[in-house]
Protein backbone atom coordinates (compact mmCIF):
# COMPACT_ATOMS: atom_id res chain seq x y z
CA MET A 1 4.65 3.37 14.58
CA GLY A 2 2.65 1.12 12.72
CA ASN A 3 -0.45 -1.07 12.79
CA ARG A 4 -1.44 -4.43 10.82
CA GLY A 5 -4.91 -3.26 10.50
CA GLY A 6 -6.47 -3.94 13.90
CA ALA A 7 -6.20 -5.23 17.30
CA LEU A 8 -3.74 -7.72 17.67
CA HIS A 9 -3.74 -7.71 21.43
CA ASN A 10 -6.42 -9.10 23.93
CA ARG A 11 -7.70 -7.43 27.15
CA ASP A 12 -4.58 -8.35 28.76
CA ARG A 13 -2.64 -6.50 26.12
CA GLU A 14 -1.27 -10.11 25.19
CA ILE A 15 -0.41 -10.15 21.42
CA VAL A 16 -2.50 -13.13 20.01
CA ARG A 17 -2.20 -12.92 16.49
CA GLN A 18 0.27 -11.69 14.11
CA TYR A 19 -2.09 -9.51 11.81
CA ALA A 20 -5.58 -8.41 11.75
CA SER A 21 -5.64 -7.53 8.09
CA ARG A 22 -3.87 -6.96 4.80
CA ARG A 23 -3.29 -3.16 5.53
CA TRP A 24 0.15 -3.15 7.42
CA ILE A 25 1.35 0.55 7.57
CA THR A 26 3.80 2.72 9.05
CA CYS A 27 2.52 6.70 10.68
CA LEU A 28 3.86 9.52 12.43
CA LEU A 29 4.00 9.52 16.12
CA GLU A 30 2.40 12.46 16.44
CA PHE A 31 -0.31 13.62 13.86
CA LYS A 32 -3.00 16.74 14.10
CA GLY A 33 -2.68 16.46 17.83
CA ARG A 34 -4.41 12.92 18.15
CA TRP A 35 -3.51 10.82 21.19
CA ARG A 36 -3.99 7.27 21.98
CA SER A 37 -3.47 5.15 24.56
CA VAL A 38 -1.10 2.17 23.35
CA MET A 39 -3.04 -1.27 23.11
CA SER A 40 -6.59 0.21 24.11
CA PRO A 41 -9.14 -2.66 24.48
CA GLY A 42 -10.81 -3.07 21.07
CA ARG A 43 -8.32 -0.66 19.19
CA TYR A 44 -5.70 -1.30 16.73
CA THR A 45 -2.19 -2.48 18.30
CA GLU A 46 0.44 0.25 17.86
CA LEU A 47 3.70 -1.26 16.74
CA PHE A 48 6.92 1.05 16.92
CA PHE A 49 9.78 0.28 14.60
CA LEU A 50 13.31 1.23 15.23
CA ASP A 51 13.18 3.02 11.61
CA GLU A 52 11.15 3.01 7.96
CA ALA A 53 13.93 0.58 6.92
CA VAL A 54 12.89 -2.12 9.75
CA ALA A 55 9.06 -1.54 9.24
CA LEU A 56 9.36 -1.72 5.14
CA ALA A 57 11.43 -5.12 6.01
CA ALA A 58 8.65 -6.29 7.97
CA GLY A 59 6.31 -5.81 5.19
CA HIS A 60 4.70 -2.19 6.23
CA ARG A 61 4.18 0.83 3.68
CA PRO A 62 3.56 4.62 4.55
CA CYS A 63 0.15 5.57 5.61
CA ALA A 64 -1.65 7.67 3.20
CA GLU A 65 -3.03 9.94 6.00
CA CYS A 66 -0.45 10.96 8.00
CA ARG A 67 2.78 10.24 5.92
CA ARG A 68 0.75 11.22 2.65
CA GLU A 69 4.41 12.86 1.06
CA ARG A 70 6.17 9.38 1.82
CA PHE A 71 3.36 7.33 0.66
CA ASN A 72 2.95 9.14 -2.60
CA ALA A 73 6.79 8.25 -3.12
CA PHE A 74 6.38 4.92 -1.99
CA LYS A 75 3.19 4.60 -4.45
CA ASP A 76 5.45 6.29 -7.45
CA ALA A 77 8.40 3.76 -6.97
CA TRP A 78 6.03 0.80 -6.94
CA ASN A 79 4.14 1.97 -10.20
CA ARG A 80 7.52 2.53 -12.20
CA SER A 81 8.53 -0.76 -11.07
CA ALA A 82 5.39 -2.68 -11.84
CA ASP A 83 5.44 -0.56 -15.48
CA PRO A 84 8.73 1.49 -16.42
CA ARG A 85 6.54 3.50 -19.05
CA GLY A 86 3.73 4.63 -16.13
CA GLY A 87 0.78 3.83 -17.62
CA ASN A 88 -0.24 1.87 -14.57
CA SER A 89 -1.33 3.59 -11.14
CA LEU A 90 -2.31 0.94 -8.35
CA ARG A 91 -4.32 2.30 -5.37
CA ALA A 92 -3.35 1.55 -1.71
CA ASP A 93 -5.70 -1.64 -1.48
CA GLU A 94 -4.03 -3.24 -4.74
CA ILE A 95 -0.36 -2.47 -2.97
CA ASP A 96 -1.40 -3.91 0.23
CA ALA A 97 -3.00 -7.24 -1.75
CA GLU A 98 0.15 -7.31 -3.59
CA LEU A 99 2.65 -6.87 -0.47
CA HIS A 100 0.77 -9.25 1.46
CA ARG A 101 1.07 -12.03 -0.71
CA ALA A 102 4.97 -11.15 -0.80
CA ARG A 103 5.37 -11.10 3.01
CA ILE A 104 3.16 -14.06 4.38
CA GLY A 105 3.22 -17.42 3.21
CA ARG A 106 0.44 -20.10 3.11
CA ARG A 107 1.46 -21.30 6.55
CA ARG A 108 1.42 -17.76 7.83
CA GLU A 109 5.33 -17.67 8.03
CA LYS A 110 7.28 -14.41 7.06
CA VAL A 111 8.37 -15.08 3.21
CA SER A 112 12.02 -14.50 2.59
CA TYR A 113 14.29 -15.41 -0.33
CA GLN A 114 17.70 -15.95 -1.32
CA ALA A 115 19.69 -13.12 -3.67
CA SER A 116 23.12 -12.17 -4.28
CA LEU A 117 24.27 -9.60 -1.59
CA SER A 118 25.47 -7.75 -4.60
CA SER A 119 21.90 -7.23 -6.30
CA LEU A 120 20.24 -5.45 -3.41
CA PRO A 121 20.09 -1.69 -3.05
CA ASP A 122 21.03 0.19 0.16
CA GLY A 123 18.06 0.34 2.45
CA CYS A 124 17.30 -3.54 2.33
CA PHE A 125 17.30 -6.11 5.51
CA VAL A 126 19.14 -8.99 5.13
CA GLN A 127 19.53 -12.28 7.68
CA ILE A 128 23.26 -13.80 8.09
CA GLU A 129 24.13 -16.39 10.12
CA GLY A 130 21.15 -15.56 12.24
CA SER A 131 21.38 -11.87 12.46
CA SER A 132 19.45 -9.14 10.58
CA TYR A 133 21.59 -6.41 8.82
CA LEU A 134 20.62 -3.21 6.90
CA ILE A 135 22.67 -2.87 3.74
CA TRP A 136 24.20 0.72 4.08
CA GLY A 137 26.63 1.62 0.80
CA ASP A 138 29.52 -1.24 1.09
CA LYS A 139 28.89 -1.57 4.64
CA LEU A 140 26.27 -4.36 6.43
CA LEU A 141 25.10 -2.77 9.73
CA LEU A 142 24.18 -4.99 12.53
CA TRP A 143 20.43 -4.18 13.71
CA SER A 144 19.16 -4.09 17.50
CA PRO A 145 15.96 -2.95 18.73
CA ALA A 146 17.82 0.10 20.57
CA GLY A 147 20.08 1.11 16.93
CA TYR A 148 22.57 -0.29 14.42
CA LEU A 149 25.47 -1.78 16.52
CA THR A 150 28.25 -2.47 14.27
CA GLU A 151 29.14 -2.62 10.67
CA ARG A 152 30.69 -5.48 8.66
CA ASP A 153 32.01 -5.28 5.18
CA ARG A 154 29.56 -6.11 2.46
CA LEU A 155 30.91 -9.00 0.85
CA SER A 156 29.78 -8.92 -2.96
CA ASP A 157 29.69 -12.62 -3.61
CA LEU A 158 27.63 -13.62 -0.85
CA THR A 159 24.06 -15.22 -0.87
CA VAL A 160 21.91 -14.01 1.63
CA THR A 161 18.32 -14.26 3.03
CA VAL A 162 16.72 -11.12 1.96
CA LEU A 163 13.75 -9.81 4.62
CA THR A 164 12.55 -7.11 2.87
CA PRO A 165 9.48 -8.33 0.70
CA GLU A 166 10.49 -8.41 -2.92
CA PRO A 167 7.92 -5.55 -4.36
CA VAL A 168 9.69 -3.32 -1.34
CA VAL A 169 13.07 -4.20 -2.69
CA ARG A 170 11.74 -3.43 -6.21
CA CYS A 171 10.53 0.26 -5.14
CA ILE A 172 13.86 1.03 -3.15
CA ARG A 173 15.60 0.00 -6.72
CA GLN A 174 13.11 2.50 -8.33
CA GLY A 175 14.52 5.40 -6.19
CA TYR A 176 12.33 5.17 -2.79
CA GLU A 177 14.59 5.91 0.22
CA PRO A 178 13.98 4.50 3.49
CA GLU A 179 14.28 6.69 6.67
CA ILE A 180 17.44 5.49 8.56
CA HIS A 181 17.79 5.86 12.16
CA PRO A 182 20.52 8.00 13.13
CA SER A 183 22.71 5.42 14.77
CA ALA A 184 23.51 4.11 11.07
CA LEU A 185 24.99 6.93 10.13
CA ALA A 186 27.36 7.25 13.38
CA LEU A 187 29.10 3.70 12.42
């Protein structure tokens, strides 16, 4: 589960905006017995993702409270990608600011970019012919809200549209391993 920094919905539970702040996080479904009604008036809007790789592709990062271990691993990979010598240690607010610039353009559109498929690590999402795929080993796994449906060979010479924000791709390259839905392993 995740959120984008506040309420994205109105009293009728209709989504009325893309985000409320630059703090886009992924949380556990259960944490310390807390309970919420989904889309409560005036509260943050809950977003649900198939897995962490999807949430990362959408531009979210792990929550520093309920997913502390994952956040620390993400932050460590982020810092290694920013400063391989280990001298720079950014805080969540600084990560959120850079992530926001990498995921939302000036006209509030999703930022994507082109790259060679062979240059991207496992766990990234790409778009090919209008469909979204997870890169996993030597395969591309077709995403759906219910799970990964089919696989196709990963062609190394193909240029693709990358959906995962570039700073997150750097984190994955630096050893952050996104959690993947079990349907990916069943193909």
